């Protein structure tokens, strides 16, 4: 299977080095613009499998997201003026949901 992720893992840039298309029967390389030789489908599949393994291994990191720093600063401001624990509760909720 040809995937953009597999081609990118091999070091190619979408819409610069290649254009892929799905015509309903499958994905294929519509244009190959790179000076490097076009990789075989098995090379693309191997690179995609490596990309997928890396992506899957980072699921915890993607899931354990804290509010943006802007949101945290706003929470801290309101915590000082209203005497609440909004900011601490938000941080603790993330830590509890995704412990180290």
Protein backbone atom coordinates (compact mmCIF):
# COMPACT_ATOMS: atom_id res chain seq x y z
CA UNK A 1 0.00 0.00 0.00
CA UNK A 2 1.34 3.40 -0.95
CA UNK A 3 0.98 6.02 1.78
CA UNK A 4 2.06 9.61 2.14
CA UNK A 5 3.42 8.78 5.60
CA UNK A 6 5.61 6.02 4.15
CA UNK A 7 6.99 8.31 1.48
CA UNK A 8 7.60 11.08 4.01
CA UNK A 9 9.40 8.59 6.28
CA UNK A 10 11.69 7.88 3.32
CA UNK A 11 12.50 11.60 3.17
CA UNK A 12 10.24 12.77 0.36
CA UNK A 13 8.05 15.88 0.55
CA UNK A 14 4.37 15.75 -0.45
CA UNK A 15 3.35 17.97 -3.38
CA UNK A 16 7.03 18.68 -4.05
CA UNK A 17 8.58 15.26 -4.61
CA UNK A 18 5.36 13.33 -5.17
CA UNK A 19 1.60 13.53 -5.59
CA UNK A 20 -0.52 10.54 -4.66
CA UNK A 21 -4.09 9.89 -5.74
CA UNK A 22 -6.85 7.49 -4.74
CA UNK A 23 -9.09 6.58 -7.66
CA UNK A 24 -11.32 4.31 -5.58
CA UNK A 25 -9.45 1.17 -6.67
CA UNK A 26 -6.41 2.09 -4.63
CA UNK A 27 -3.78 4.70 -3.97
CA UNK A 28 -1.09 5.31 -6.55
CA UNK A 29 1.68 7.79 -7.23
CA UNK A 30 0.19 10.22 -9.73
CA UNK A 31 3.34 12.34 -10.13
CA UNK A 32 6.95 11.68 -9.21
CA UNK A 33 8.99 14.89 -9.25
CA UNK A 34 11.97 13.91 -7.10
CA UNK A 35 15.44 13.60 -8.58
CA UNK A 36 15.80 10.42 -6.48
CA UNK A 37 14.47 7.17 -7.92
CA UNK A 38 10.91 6.28 -7.03
CA UNK A 39 10.84 3.70 -4.20
CA UNK A 40 9.11 0.38 -4.66
CA UNK A 41 5.78 -0.34 -3.04
CA UNK A 42 7.46 -2.73 -0.58
CA UNK A 43 9.95 -0.01 0.45
CA UNK A 44 7.04 2.37 1.03
CA UNK A 45 5.16 -0.28 3.05
CA UNK A 46 8.23 -0.94 5.23
CA UNK A 47 8.70 2.80 5.84
CA UNK A 48 4.99 3.16 6.65
CA UNK A 49 5.23 0.31 9.19
CA UNK A 50 8.18 2.08 10.84
CA UNK A 51 6.24 5.37 10.89
CA UNK A 52 3.19 3.60 12.38
CA UNK A 53 5.30 1.99 15.13
CA UNK A 54 6.78 5.38 16.05
CA UNK A 55 3.34 7.01 15.99
CA UNK A 56 1.83 4.28 18.18
CA UNK A 57 4.71 4.51 20.67
CA UNK A 58 3.92 8.21 21.20
CA UNK A 59 0.22 7.73 22.05
CA UNK A 60 0.84 8.50 25.74
CA UNK A 61 2.62 11.76 24.89
CA UNK A 62 -0.18 12.86 22.55
CA UNK A 63 -2.83 12.02 25.15
CA UNK A 64 -1.15 13.69 28.15
CA UNK A 65 -1.68 17.28 27.05
CA UNK A 66 -1.96 20.12 29.51
CA UNK A 67 -3.97 23.25 28.72
CA UNK A 68 -2.06 25.82 26.66
CA UNK A 69 0.13 28.24 28.57
CA UNK A 70 -2.35 31.02 27.77
CA UNK A 71 -5.21 29.03 29.29
CA UNK A 72 -3.07 28.20 32.33
CA UNK A 73 -2.17 31.85 32.89
CA UNK A 74 -5.85 32.79 32.70
CA UNK A 75 -6.71 30.07 35.21
CA UNK A 76 -3.96 31.26 37.55
CA UNK A 77 -5.22 34.85 37.36
CA UNK A 78 -8.77 33.81 38.18
CA UNK A 79 -7.53 31.52 40.95
CA UNK A 80 -5.88 34.52 42.63
CA UNK A 81 -8.89 36.81 42.25
CA UNK A 82 -11.62 34.29 43.03
CA UNK A 83 -9.77 32.03 45.46
CA UNK A 84 -10.51 28.90 43.42
CA UNK A 85 -8.26 26.02 42.34
CA UNK A 86 -9.17 25.90 38.64
CA UNK A 87 -5.57 25.72 37.46
CA UNK A 88 -4.44 23.08 39.96
CA UNK A 89 -7.56 21.01 39.28
CA UNK A 90 -6.89 21.12 35.51
CA UNK A 91 -3.28 20.00 35.94
CA UNK A 92 -4.20 17.29 38.45
CA UNK A 93 -6.93 15.98 36.11
CA UNK A 94 -4.38 15.43 33.34
CA UNK A 95 -1.93 13.78 35.75
CA UNK A 96 -4.63 11.45 37.10
CA UNK A 97 -5.92 10.49 33.66
CA UNK A 98 -2.42 9.82 32.28
CA UNK A 99 -0.05 8.97 35.16
CA UNK A 100 3.68 8.65 34.54
